[in-house]
PDB file of N, CA and C in Angstrom:
ATOM      1  N   MET A   1     -32.496  31.089  19.420  1.00  0.00           N
ATOM      2  CA  MET A   1     -33.427  30.910  18.600  1.00  0.00           C
ATOM      3  C   MET A   1     -32.919  29.585  17.563  1.00  0.00           C
ATOM      4  N   GLU A   2     -33.367  28.650  17.531  1.00  0.00           N
ATOM      5  CA  GLU A   2     -33.171  27.885  16.816  1.00  0.00           C
ATOM      6  C   GLU A   2     -33.219  27.704  15.413  1.00  0.00           C
ATOM      7  N   TYR A   3     -32.452  27.190  14.250  1.00  0.00           N
ATOM      8  CA  TYR A   3     -32.872  27.190  12.676  1.00  0.00           C
ATOM      9  C   TYR A   3     -33.093  25.789  12.616  1.00  0.00           C
ATOM     10  N   SER A   4     -33.985  26.021  11.099  1.00  0.00           N
ATOM     11  CA  SER A   4     -35.006  24.752  11.444  1.00  0.00           C
ATOM     12  C   SER A   4     -34.558  24.277   9.843  1.00  0.00           C
ATOM     13  N   MET A   5     -34.632  23.817   8.919  1.00  0.00           N
ATOM     14  CA  MET A   5     -34.578  23.214   7.370  1.00  0.00           C
ATOM     15  C   MET A   5     -35.772  23.402   7.246  1.00  0.00           C
ATOM     16  N   PRO A   6     -36.714  24.553   5.972  1.00  0.00           N
ATOM     17  CA  PRO A   6     -37.984  24.345   5.725  1.00  0.00           C
ATOM     18  C   PRO A   6     -38.043  22.946   5.494  1.00  0.00           C
ATOM     19  N   THR A   7     -39.076  22.560   5.261  1.00  0.00           N
ATOM     20  CA  THR A   7     -39.889  20.751   4.849  1.00  0.00           C
ATOM     21  C   THR A   7     -40.569  21.118   3.899  1.00  0.00           C
ATOM     22  N   ILE A   8     -40.327  20.049   2.622  1.00  0.00           N
ATOM     23  CA  ILE A   8     -40.769  20.571   1.446  1.00  0.00           C
ATOM     24  C   ILE A   8     -41.630  19.447   1.556  1.00  0.00           C
ATOM     25  N   GLU A   9     -43.527  19.580   1.034  1.00  0.00           N
ATOM     26  CA  GLU A   9     -43.849  18.713   1.459  1.00  0.00           C
ATOM     27  C   GLU A   9     -44.142  18.083  -0.292  1.00  0.00           C
ATOM     28  N   MET A  10     -44.101  16.364   0.079  1.00  0.00           N
ATOM     29  CA  MET A  10     -44.212  15.742  -1.648  1.00  0.00           C
ATOM     30  C   MET A  10     -45.575  15.815  -1.874  1.00  0.00           C
ATOM     31  N   THR A  11     -46.346  16.588  -3.178  1.00  0.00           N
ATOM     32  CA  THR A  11     -47.205  16.731  -3.586  1.00  0.00           C
ATOM     33  C   THR A  11     -47.644  15.531  -4.464  1.00  0.00           C
ATOM     34  N   GLY A  12     -49.008  15.310  -5.224  1.00  0.00           N
ATOM     35  CA  GLY A  12     -49.265  14.080  -6.001  1.00  0.00           C
ATOM     36  C   GLY A  12     -48.207  15.128  -7.391  1.00  0.00           C
ATOM     37  N   PRO A  13     -48.584  16.398  -7.593  1.00  0.00           N
ATOM     38  CA  PRO A  13     -47.952  16.546  -8.483  1.00  0.00           C
ATOM     39  C   PRO A  13     -46.373  16.732  -9.373  1.00  0.00           C
ATOM     40  N   ILE A  14     -45.594  17.031  -7.673  1.00  0.00           N
ATOM     41  CA  ILE A  14     -44.178  16.974  -7.711  1.00  0.00           C
ATOM     42  C   ILE A  14     -43.887  15.349  -8.007  1.00  0.00           C
ATOM     43  N   ILE A  15     -44.447  14.327  -7.646  1.00  0.00           N
ATOM     44  CA  ILE A  15     -44.402  12.982  -7.600  1.00  0.00           C
ATOM     45  C   ILE A  15     -43.988  12.638  -8.834  1.00  0.00           C
ATOM     46  N   ILE A  16     -45.410  12.952  -9.707  1.00  0.00           N
ATOM     47  CA  ILE A  16     -45.523  12.733 -10.899  1.00  0.00           C
ATOM     48  C   ILE A  16     -44.433  13.256 -11.730  1.00  0.00           C
ATOM     49  N   ALA A  17     -44.070  13.899 -11.672  1.00  0.00           N
ATOM     50  CA  ALA A  17     -42.903  14.771 -12.614  1.00  0.00           C
ATOM     51  C   ALA A  17     -41.757  14.180 -12.554  1.00  0.00           C
ATOM     52  N   ILE A  18     -41.718  13.968 -11.135  1.00  0.00           N
ATOM     53  CA  ILE A  18     -40.053  12.929 -10.534  1.00  0.00           C
ATOM     54  C   ILE A  18     -40.143  11.634 -11.311  1.00  0.00           C
ATOM     55  N   VAL A  19     -41.146  11.168 -11.136  1.00  0.00           N
ATOM     56  CA  VAL A  19     -41.784   9.311 -11.936  1.00  0.00           C
ATOM     57  C   VAL A  19     -41.380   9.698 -13.458  1.00  0.00           C
ATOM     58  N   PHE A  20     -41.813  11.007 -14.173  1.00  0.00           N
ATOM     59  CA  PHE A  20     -41.960  11.013 -15.640  1.00  0.00           C
ATOM     60  C   PHE A  20     -39.927  11.491 -15.793  1.00  0.00           C
ATOM     61  N   ALA A  21     -39.878  12.232 -15.062  1.00  0.00           N
ATOM     62  CA  ALA A  21     -38.504  12.909 -15.325  1.00  0.00           C
ATOM     63  C   ALA A  21     -37.530  11.130 -15.475  1.00  0.00           C
ATOM     64  N   ALA A  22     -37.770  10.452 -14.317  1.00  0.00           N
ATOM     65  CA  ALA A  22     -36.799   9.189 -14.362  1.00  0.00           C
ATOM     66  C   ALA A  22     -37.275   8.375 -15.108  1.00  0.00           C
ATOM     67  N   ALA A  23     -38.106   8.055 -15.739  1.00  0.00           N
ATOM     68  CA  ALA A  23     -38.680   7.674 -16.964  1.00  0.00           C
ATOM     69  C   ALA A  23     -38.345   8.024 -18.117  1.00  0.00           C
ATOM     70  N   PHE A  24     -37.853   9.157 -18.390  1.00  0.00           N
ATOM     71  CA  PHE A  24     -37.255   9.883 -19.580  1.00  0.00           C
ATOM     72  C   PHE A  24     -36.090   9.393 -19.546  1.00  0.00           C
ATOM     73  N   ILE A  25     -35.735   9.780 -18.770  1.00  0.00           N
ATOM     74  CA  ILE A  25     -34.257   9.444 -18.434  1.00  0.00           C
ATOM     75  C   ILE A  25     -33.223   8.073 -18.792  1.00  0.00           C
ATOM     76  N   ILE A  26     -34.235   7.032 -18.312  1.00  0.00           N
ATOM     77  CA  ILE A  26     -34.135   5.439 -18.408  1.00  0.00           C
ATOM     78  C   ILE A  26     -33.820   5.700 -19.828  1.00  0.00           C
ATOM     79  N   PHE A  27     -35.066   6.258 -20.381  1.00  0.00           N
ATOM     80  CA  PHE A  27     -35.160   5.825 -22.225  1.00  0.00           C
ATOM     81  C   PHE A  27     -34.398   6.277 -22.619  1.00  0.00           C
ATOM     82  N   VAL A  28     -33.793   7.659 -22.349  1.00  0.00           N
ATOM     83  CA  VAL A  28     -32.424   8.215 -23.075  1.00  0.00           C
ATOM     84  C   VAL A  28     -31.427   7.104 -23.089  1.00  0.00           C
ATOM     85  N   ILE A  29     -30.748   6.639 -22.398  1.00  0.00           N
ATOM     86  CA  ILE A  29     -30.145   5.679 -21.642  1.00  0.00           C
ATOM     87  C   ILE A  29     -30.158   4.798 -23.074  1.00  0.00           C
ATOM     88  N   TYR A  30     -31.750   4.245 -22.652  1.00  0.00           N
ATOM     89  CA  TYR A  30     -31.874   2.438 -23.705  1.00  0.00           C
ATOM     90  C   TYR A  30     -31.872   2.937 -25.041  1.00  0.00           C
ATOM     91  N   ALA A  31     -32.258   4.004 -25.366  1.00  0.00           N
ATOM     92  CA  ALA A  31     -32.072   4.366 -26.621  1.00  0.00           C
ATOM     93  C   ALA A  31     -30.731   4.704 -26.809  1.00  0.00           C
ATOM     94  N   ILE A  32     -29.424   5.292 -26.055  1.00  0.00           N
ATOM     95  CA  ILE A  32     -28.399   5.271 -26.162  1.00  0.00           C
ATOM     96  C   ILE A  32     -27.060   4.009 -26.402  1.00  0.00           C
ATOM     97  N   VAL A  33     -27.964   2.649 -25.826  1.00  0.00           N
ATOM     98  CA  VAL A  33     -27.105   1.708 -25.511  1.00  0.00           C
ATOM     99  C   VAL A  33     -27.946   0.783 -27.233  1.00  0.00           C
ATOM    100  N   LYS A  34     -29.088   1.068 -27.556  1.00  0.00           N
ATOM    101  CA  LYS A  34     -29.395   0.183 -28.412  1.00  0.00           C
ATOM    102  C   LYS A  34     -28.318   0.073 -29.594  1.00  0.00           C
ATOM    103  N   GLY A  35     -28.760   1.973 -29.846  1.00  0.00           N
ATOM    104  CA  GLY A  35     -27.607   2.543 -30.846  1.00  0.00           C
ATOM    105  C   GLY A  35     -26.274   2.254 -31.232  1.00  0.00           C
ATOM    106  N   GLN A  36     -25.721   1.804 -29.913  1.00  0.00           N
ATOM    107  CA  GLN A  36     -24.362   1.348 -29.834  1.00  0.00           C
ATOM    108  C   GLN A  36     -23.864   0.138 -30.259  1.00  0.00           C
ATOM    109  N   ARG A  37     -25.355  -0.863 -30.266  1.00  0.00           N
ATOM    110  CA  ARG A  37     -25.379  -2.029 -30.666  1.00  0.00           C
ATOM    111  C   ARG A  37     -25.551  -2.447 -31.724  1.00  0.00           C
ATOM    112  N   ARG A  38     -25.955  -1.341 -32.268  1.00  0.00           N
ATOM    113  CA  ARG A  38     -26.613  -1.978 -33.950  1.00  0.00           C
ATOM    114  C   ARG A  38     -25.704  -1.867 -34.624  1.00  0.00           C
ATOM    115  N   LYS A  39     -25.665  -3.144 -35.694  1.00  0.00           N
ATOM    116  CA  LYS A  39     -24.605  -3.273 -36.448  1.00  0.00           C
ATOM    117  C   LYS A  39     -24.587  -2.307 -37.976  1.00  0.00           C
ATOM    118  N   LEU A  40     -23.495  -1.969 -38.341  1.00  0.00           N
ATOM    119  CA  LEU A  40     -23.016  -0.685 -39.189  1.00  0.00           C
ATOM    120  C   LEU A  40     -23.520  -1.800 -40.346  1.00  0.00           C
ATOM    121  N   SER A  41     -24.217  -1.173 -41.083  1.00  0.00           N
ATOM    122  CA  SER A  41     -24.342  -1.650 -42.683  1.00  0.00           C
ATOM    123  C   SER A  41     -23.771  -0.554 -43.577  1.00  0.00           C
ATOM    124  N   ALA A  42     -22.808  -0.580 -44.045  1.00  0.00           N
ATOM    125  CA  ALA A  42     -22.138   0.244 -45.114  1.00  0.00           C
ATOM    126  C   ALA A  42     -21.294  -0.209 -45.966  1.00  0.00           C
ATOM    127  N   GLY A  43     -21.053   0.349 -47.211  1.00  0.00           N
ATOM    128  CA  GLY A  43     -20.364  -0.315 -47.729  1.00  0.00           C
ATOM    129  C   GLY A  43     -21.329  -1.149 -48.969  1.00  0.00           C
ATOM    130  N   VAL A  44     -21.014  -1.600 -49.862  1.00  0.00           N
ATOM    131  CA  VAL A  44     -21.309  -2.008 -51.525  1.00  0.00           C
ATOM    132  C   VAL A  44     -21.394  -3.100 -50.885  1.00  0.00           C
ATOM    133  N   GLU A  45     -20.713  -3.824 -50.148  1.00  0.00           N
ATOM    134  CA  GLU A  45     -21.233  -5.575 -49.890  1.00  0.00           C
ATOM    135  C   GLU A  45     -21.956  -5.668 -49.210  1.00  0.00           C
ATOM    136  N   GLU A  46     -22.845  -4.988 -48.557  1.00  0.00           N
ATOM    137  CA  GLU A  46     -24.287  -5.011 -47.981  1.00  0.00           C
ATOM    138  C   GLU A  46     -25.116  -4.751 -48.875  1.00  0.00           C
ATOM    139  N   MET A  47     -24.867  -4.804 -50.490  1.00  0.00           N
ATOM    140  CA  MET A  47     -26.033  -4.879 -51.503  1.00  0.00           C
ATOM    141  C   MET A  47     -26.204  -6.046 -51.764  1.00  0.00           C
ATOM    142  N   ILE A  48     -25.099  -6.706 -51.906  1.00  0.00           N
ATOM    143  CA  ILE A  48     -25.796  -8.365 -52.196  1.00  0.00           C
ATOM    144  C   ILE A  48     -26.915  -8.929 -51.226  1.00  0.00           C
ATOM    145  N   GLY A  49     -28.041  -9.491 -52.686  1.00  0.00           N
ATOM    146  CA  GLY A  49     -29.049 -10.051 -52.065  1.00  0.00           C
ATOM    147  C   GLY A  49     -30.272  -9.148 -52.417  1.00  0.00           C
ATOM    148  N   LYS A  50     -29.736  -8.033 -52.415  1.00  0.00           N
ATOM    149  CA  LYS A  50     -31.029  -6.657 -52.353  1.00  0.00           C
ATOM    150  C   LYS A  50     -31.638  -6.562 -53.706  1.00  0.00           C
ATOM    151  N   GLU A  51     -32.572  -6.060 -53.882  1.00  0.00           N
ATOM    152  CA  GLU A  51     -33.423  -5.555 -54.990  1.00  0.00           C
ATOM    153  C   GLU A  51     -33.111  -4.361 -56.039  1.00  0.00           C
ATOM    154  N   ALA A  52     -33.081  -4.531 -56.910  1.00  0.00           N
ATOM    155  CA  ALA A  52     -32.629  -3.116 -57.925  1.00  0.00           C
ATOM    156  C   ALA A  52     -33.644  -3.209 -59.078  1.00  0.00           C
ATOM    157  N   VAL A  53     -34.213  -1.662 -59.455  1.00  0.00           N
ATOM    158  CA  VAL A  53     -35.164  -1.304 -60.743  1.00  0.00           C
ATOM    159  C   VAL A  53     -34.266  -1.127 -61.954  1.00  0.00           C
ATOM    160  N   VAL A  54     -34.492  -1.433 -62.905  1.00  0.00           N
ATOM    161  CA  VAL A  54     -33.863  -1.497 -64.103  1.00  0.00           C
ATOM    162  C   VAL A  54     -34.135   0.194 -64.714  1.00  0.00           C
ATOM    163  N   GLN A  55     -32.887   0.612 -64.815  1.00  0.00           N
ATOM    164  CA  GLN A  55     -33.139   2.333 -65.581  1.00  0.00           C
ATOM    165  C   GLN A  55     -33.122   2.200 -66.816  1.00  0.00           C
ATOM    166  N   THR A  56     -31.770   1.597 -67.543  1.00  0.00           N
ATOM    167  CA  THR A  56     -31.517   1.712 -69.096  1.00  0.00           C
ATOM    168  C   THR A  56     -31.329   0.252 -69.113  1.00  0.00           C
ATOM    169  N   THR A  57     -31.269   0.014 -69.973  1.00  0.00           N
ATOM    170  CA  THR A  57     -31.443  -1.646 -70.843  1.00  0.00           C
ATOM    171  C   THR A  57     -29.690  -2.309 -70.552  1.00  0.00           C
ATOM    172  N   LEU A  58     -29.863  -3.482 -69.937  1.00  0.00           N
ATOM    173  CA  LEU A  58     -28.510  -4.290 -69.687  1.00  0.00           C
ATOM    174  C   LEU A  58     -28.432  -5.074 -70.362  1.00  0.00           C
ATOM    175  N   ASN A  59     -27.216  -4.583 -71.811  1.00  0.00           N
ATOM    176  CA  ASN A  59     -27.002  -5.719 -72.286  1.00  0.00           C
ATOM    177  C   ASN A  59     -25.617  -5.179 -72.822  1.00  0.00           C
ATOM    178  N   PRO A  60     -24.893  -5.964 -72.277  1.00  0.00           N
ATOM    179  CA  PRO A  60     -24.767  -6.525 -70.681  1.00  0.00           C
ATOM    180  C   PRO A  60     -25.208  -5.656 -69.363  1.00  0.00           C
ATOM    181  N   LYS A  61     -24.646  -4.059 -70.047  1.00  0.00           N
ATOM    182  CA  LYS A  61     -23.989  -3.081 -68.672  1.00  0.00           C
ATOM    183  C   LYS A  61     -24.766  -1.933 -69.217  1.00  0.00           C
ATOM    184  N   GLY A  62     -25.567  -0.916 -67.962  1.00  0.00           N
ATOM    185  CA  GLY A  62     -26.449  -0.667 -68.141  1.00  0.00           C
ATOM    186  C   GLY A  62     -26.513   0.432 -66.693  1.00  0.00           C
ATOM    187  N   THR A  63     -27.747   0.668 -66.514  1.00  0.00           N
ATOM    188  CA  THR A  63     -27.510   1.357 -64.791  1.00  0.00           C
ATOM    189  C   THR A  63     -29.249   0.982 -64.057  1.00  0.00           C
ATOM    190  N   VAL A  64     -29.166   0.721 -62.864  1.00  0.00           N
ATOM    191  CA  VAL A  64     -30.032   0.328 -62.217  1.00  0.00           C
ATOM    192  C   VAL A  64     -30.375   1.318 -60.998  1.00  0.00           C
ATOM    193  N   LEU A  65     -31.361   1.251 -60.125  1.00  0.00           N
ATOM    194  CA  LEU A  65     -31.814   2.029 -59.008  1.00  0.00           C
ATOM    195  C   LEU A  65     -31.647   0.838 -58.024  1.00  0.00           C
ATOM    196  N   ALA A  66     -30.385   1.702 -57.441  1.00  0.00           N
ATOM    197  CA  ALA A  66     -30.882   0.410 -56.048  1.00  0.00           C
ATOM    198  C   ALA A  66     -30.065   1.315 -54.787  1.00  0.00           C
ATOM    199  N   GLU A  67     -31.412   1.345 -53.513  1.00  0.00           N
ATOM    200  CA  GLU A  67     -30.751   1.823 -52.463  1.00  0.00           C
ATOM    201  C   GLU A  67     -31.279   3.303 -52.351  1.00  0.00           C
ATOM    202  N   GLY A  68     -32.189   3.620 -53.848  1.00  0.00           N
ATOM    203  CA  GLY A  68     -31.976   5.330 -53.748  1.00  0.00           C
ATOM    204  C   GLY A  68     -31.314   6.152 -54.960  1.00  0.00           C
ATOM    205  N   GLU A  69     -30.025   5.055 -55.269  1.00  0.00           N
ATOM    206  CA  GLU A  69     -29.344   5.768 -56.357  1.00  0.00           C
ATOM    207  C   GLU A  69     -29.176   4.821 -57.477  1.00  0.00           C
ATOM    208  N   LEU A  70     -28.247   5.148 -58.492  1.00  0.00           N
ATOM    209  CA  LEU A  70     -28.093   4.896 -59.433  1.00  0.00           C
ATOM    210  C   LEU A  70     -26.995   4.534 -59.518  1.00  0.00           C
ATOM    211  N   TRP A  71     -26.214   2.902 -59.972  1.00  0.00           N
ATOM    212  CA  TRP A  71     -25.456   2.356 -60.265  1.00  0.00           C
ATOM    213  C   TRP A  71     -25.394   1.783 -61.766  1.00  0.00           C
ATOM    214  N   THR A  72     -24.144   1.484 -61.743  1.00  0.00           N
ATOM    215  CA  THR A  72     -23.661   0.982 -63.087  1.00  0.00           C
ATOM    216  C   THR A  72     -23.834  -0.491 -63.125  1.00  0.00           C
ATOM    217  N   ALA A  73     -24.386  -1.354 -63.645  1.00  0.00           N
ATOM    218  CA  ALA A  73     -24.697  -2.430 -63.280  1.00  0.00           C
ATOM    219  C   ALA A  73     -24.117  -3.825 -64.407  1.00  0.00           C
ATOM    220  N   ILE A  74     -24.396  -4.486 -64.494  1.00  0.00           N
ATOM    221  CA  ILE A  74     -23.767  -5.844 -65.383  1.00  0.00           C
ATOM    222  C   ILE A  74     -24.715  -7.312 -65.294  1.00  0.00           C
ATOM    223  N   ALA A  75     -25.443  -7.318 -66.447  1.00  0.00           N
ATOM    224  CA  ALA A  75     -26.998  -8.834 -66.283  1.00  0.00           C
ATOM    225  C   ALA A  75     -25.574  -9.775 -66.383  1.00  0.00           C
ATOM    226  N   GLU A  76     -25.785 -10.526 -65.675  1.00  0.00           N
ATOM    227  CA  GLU A  76     -24.796 -11.892 -65.914  1.00  0.00           C
ATOM    228  C   GLU A  76     -25.562 -12.885 -66.885  1.00  0.00           C
ATOM    229  N   ASP A  77     -26.836 -12.799 -67.581  1.00  0.00           N
ATOM    230  CA  ASP A  77     -27.166 -13.874 -68.226  1.00  0.00           C
ATOM    231  C   ASP A  77     -27.852 -12.656 -68.886  1.00  0.00           C
ATOM    232  N   SER A  78     -28.853 -12.261 -69.614  1.00  0.00           N
ATOM    233  CA  SER A  78     -29.277 -12.087 -70.762  1.00  0.00           C
ATOM    234  C   SER A  78     -29.599 -10.299 -70.476  1.00  0.00           C
ATOM    235  N   THR A  79     -30.214  -9.996 -71.715  1.00  0.00           N
ATOM    236  CA  THR A  79     -30.538  -8.798 -71.787  1.00  0.00           C
ATOM    237  C   THR A  79     -31.731  -8.404 -71.074  1.00  0.00           C
ATOM    238  N   ILE A  80     -31.882  -7.206 -69.913  1.00  0.00           N
ATOM    239  CA  ILE A  80     -32.640  -6.902 -69.206  1.00  0.00           C
ATOM    240  C   ILE A  80     -33.204  -5.601 -69.194  1.00  0.00           C
ATOM    241  N   GLU A  81     -34.318  -5.700 -69.634  1.00  0.00           N
ATOM    242  CA  GLU A  81     -35.242  -4.173 -70.194  1.00  0.00           C
ATOM    243  C   GLU A  81     -35.383  -3.492 -69.212  1.00  0.00           C
ATOM    244  N   PRO A  82     -35.610  -2.061 -68.933  1.00  0.00           N
ATOM    245  CA  PRO A  82     -35.786  -0.844 -68.040  1.00  0.00           C
ATOM    246  C   PRO A  82     -37.398  -1.448 -66.988  1.00  0.00           C
ATOM    247  N   GLY A  83     -37.254  -1.622 -66.230  1.00  0.00           N
ATOM    248  CA  GLY A  83     -38.229  -1.105 -65.570  1.00  0.00           C
ATOM    249  C   GLY A  83     -38.288  -2.892 -64.779  1.00  0.00           C
ATOM    250  N   GLU A  84     -37.134  -4.045 -64.896  1.00  0.00           N
ATOM    251  CA  GLU A  84     -37.729  -5.024 -64.407  1.00  0.00           C
ATOM    252  C   GLU A  84     -36.590  -5.083 -63.357  1.00  0.00           C
ATOM    253  N   GLU A  85     -37.381  -5.961 -62.132  1.00  0.00           N
ATOM    254  CA  GLU A  85     -36.487  -5.881 -60.602  1.00  0.00           C
ATOM    255  C   GLU A  85     -35.290  -7.061 -60.924  1.00  0.00           C
ATOM    256  N   VAL A  86     -34.258  -6.762 -60.525  1.00  0.00           N
ATOM    257  CA  VAL A  86     -32.924  -7.640 -60.643  1.00  0.00           C
ATOM    258  C   VAL A  86     -32.236  -8.105 -59.533  1.00  0.00           C
ATOM    259  N   ILE A  87     -32.304  -9.115 -58.840  1.00  0.00           N
ATOM    260  CA  ILE A  87     -31.277  -9.268 -57.509  1.00  0.00           C
ATOM    261  C   ILE A  87     -29.585  -8.666 -57.881  1.00  0.00           C
ATOM    262  N   ILE A  88     -29.314  -8.298 -56.756  1.00  0.00           N
ATOM    263  CA  ILE A  88     -27.687  -7.985 -56.738  1.00  0.00           C
ATOM    264  C   ILE A  88     -27.048  -9.237 -56.511  1.00  0.00           C
ATOM    265  N   THR A  89     -25.760  -9.757 -57.030  1.00  0.00           N
ATOM    266  CA  THR A  89     -25.143 -11.450 -56.289  1.00  0.00           C
ATOM    267  C   THR A  89     -24.236 -10.489 -56.446  1.00  0.00           C
ATOM    268  N   LYS A  90     -23.461  -9.911 -57.389  1.00  0.00           N
ATOM    269  CA  LYS A  90     -21.816  -9.350 -56.224  1.00  0.00           C
ATOM    270  C   LYS A  90     -21.459  -8.019 -56.993  1.00  0.00           C
ATOM    271  N   THR A  91     -20.369  -7.415 -55.860  1.00  0.00           N
ATOM    272  CA  THR A  91     -19.875  -6.132 -56.308  1.00  0.00           C
ATOM    273  C   THR A  91     -18.667  -6.061 -56.541  1.00  0.00           C
ATOM    274  N   GLU A  92     -18.362  -5.137 -57.727  1.00  0.00           N
ATOM    275  CA  GLU A  92     -16.593  -5.218 -58.111  1.00  0.00           C
ATOM    276  C   GLU A  92     -16.530  -3.533 -58.298  1.00  0.00           C
ATOM    277  N   GLY A  93     -15.974  -3.136 -57.221  1.00  0.00           N
ATOM    278  CA  GLY A  93     -15.674  -1.902 -57.161  1.00  0.00           C
ATOM    279  C   GLY A  93     -16.990  -0.962 -56.974  1.00  0.00           C
ATOM    280  N   LEU A  94     -17.689   0.067 -57.961  1.00  0.00           N
ATOM    281  CA  LEU A  94     -19.054   0.771 -57.971  1.00  0.00           C
ATOM    282  C   LEU A  94     -19.663   0.103 -58.782  1.00  0.00           C
ATOM    283  N   LYS A  95     -19.737  -1.224 -59.652  1.00  0.00           N
ATOM    284  CA  LYS A  95     -20.698  -1.931 -60.094  1.00  0.00           C
ATOM    285  C   LYS A  95     -21.028  -3.348 -59.572  1.00  0.00           C
ATOM    286  N   LEU A  96     -22.449  -2.902 -60.147  1.00  0.00           N
ATOM    287  CA  LEU A  96     -23.294  -4.382 -59.484  1.00  0.00           C
ATOM    288  C   LEU A  96     -23.121  -5.153 -60.479  1.00  0.00           C
ATOM    289  N   TRP A  97     -23.483  -6.411 -60.450  1.00  0.00           N
ATOM    290  CA  TRP A  97     -23.666  -7.817 -60.790  1.00  0.00           C
ATOM    291  C   TRP A  97     -24.998  -8.303 -60.924  1.00  0.00           C
ATOM    292  N   VAL A  98     -26.097  -7.921 -61.489  1.00  0.00           N
ATOM    293  CA  VAL A  98     -27.392  -8.742 -60.938  1.00  0.00           C
ATOM    294  C   VAL A  98     -27.859  -9.807 -62.303  1.00  0.00           C
ATOM    295  N   VAL A  99     -29.100 -10.100 -61.549  1.00  0.00           N
ATOM    296  CA  VAL A  99     -30.001 -11.086 -62.367  1.00  0.00           C
ATOM    297  C   VAL A  99     -31.156 -10.804 -62.248  1.00  0.00           C
ATOM    298  N   LYS A 100     -31.754 -11.536 -63.283  1.00  0.00           N
ATOM    299  CA  LYS A 100     -33.352 -10.940 -63.027  1.00  0.00           C
ATOM    300  C   LYS A 100     -34.025 -11.763 -61.885  1.00  0.00           C
ATOM    301  N   LYS A 101     -35.004 -11.210 -61.080  1.00  0.00           N
ATOM    302  CA  LYS A 101     -35.481 -11.138 -59.995  1.00  0.00           C
ATOM    303  C   LYS A 101     -35.995 -12.788 -60.047  1.00  0.00           C
ATOM    304  N   SER A 102     -37.242 -13.240 -60.991  1.00  0.00           N
ATOM    305  CA  SER A 102     -37.832 -13.958 -61.357  1.00  0.00           C
ATOM    306  C   SER A 102     -36.671 -15.415 -61.710  1.00  0.00           C
ATOM    307  N   LYS A 103     -35.651 -15.029 -62.304  1.00  0.00           N
ATOM    308  CA  LYS A 103     -34.978 -16.090 -62.535  1.00  0.00           C
ATOM    309  C   LYS A 103     -34.115 -16.676 -60.890  1.00  0.00           C
ATOM    310  N   GLU A 104     -33.504 -15.654 -60.235  1.00  0.00           N
ATOM    311  CA  GLU A 104     -33.096 -15.900 -59.085  1.00  0.00           C
ATOM    312  C   GLU A 104     -33.772 -17.296 -58.149  1.00  0.00           C
ATOM    313  N   LYS A 105     -35.215 -16.565 -57.999  1.00  0.00           N
ATOM    314  CA  LYS A 105     -35.860 -17.600 -57.516  1.00  0.00           C
ATOM    315  C   LYS A 105     -36.393 -18.677 -57.821  1.00  0.00           C
ATOM    316  N   GLU A 106     -35.650 -19.285 -59.529  1.00  0.00           N
ATOM    317  CA  GLU A 106     -35.497 -20.578 -60.111  1.00  0.00           C
ATOM    318  C   GLU A 106     -34.744 -21.312 -59.374  1.00  0.00           C
ATOM    319  N   GLU A 107     -33.351 -20.226 -59.129  1.00  0.00           N
ATOM    320  CA  GLU A 107     -32.095 -21.271 -58.960  1.00  0.00           C
ATOM    321  C   GLU A 107     -32.336 -21.671 -57.845  1.00  0.00           C
ATOM    322  N   LYS A 108     -33.145 -21.141 -56.693  1.00  0.00           N
ATOM    323  CA  LYS A 108     -33.297 -21.328 -55.129  1.00  0.00           C
ATOM    324  C   LYS A 108     -33.858 -22.824 -55.089  1.00  0.00           C
TER     325      LYS A 108
END
């Protein structure tokens, strides 16, 4: 008596399942590689040049809302009222130095 391996017939649904599984694996590998190459953006230094909204009057010291967090800020030039938009120009510890958004654009 001769023994032979059973043959598996490759039907349409099996081929489609294999193609989708391969595509999914390729997508996951691509996402992992892309995530590893992404530039890290952490730390206060990354905030320079970004916008913030004044929460309490800056005369010259007050608070601003930047990146969803409240920060102590110091106005570089004049008094800035709550609600005004400012641009972060430098950081010092956990303090942000800011200028009015309109004034910053005029200097450029």
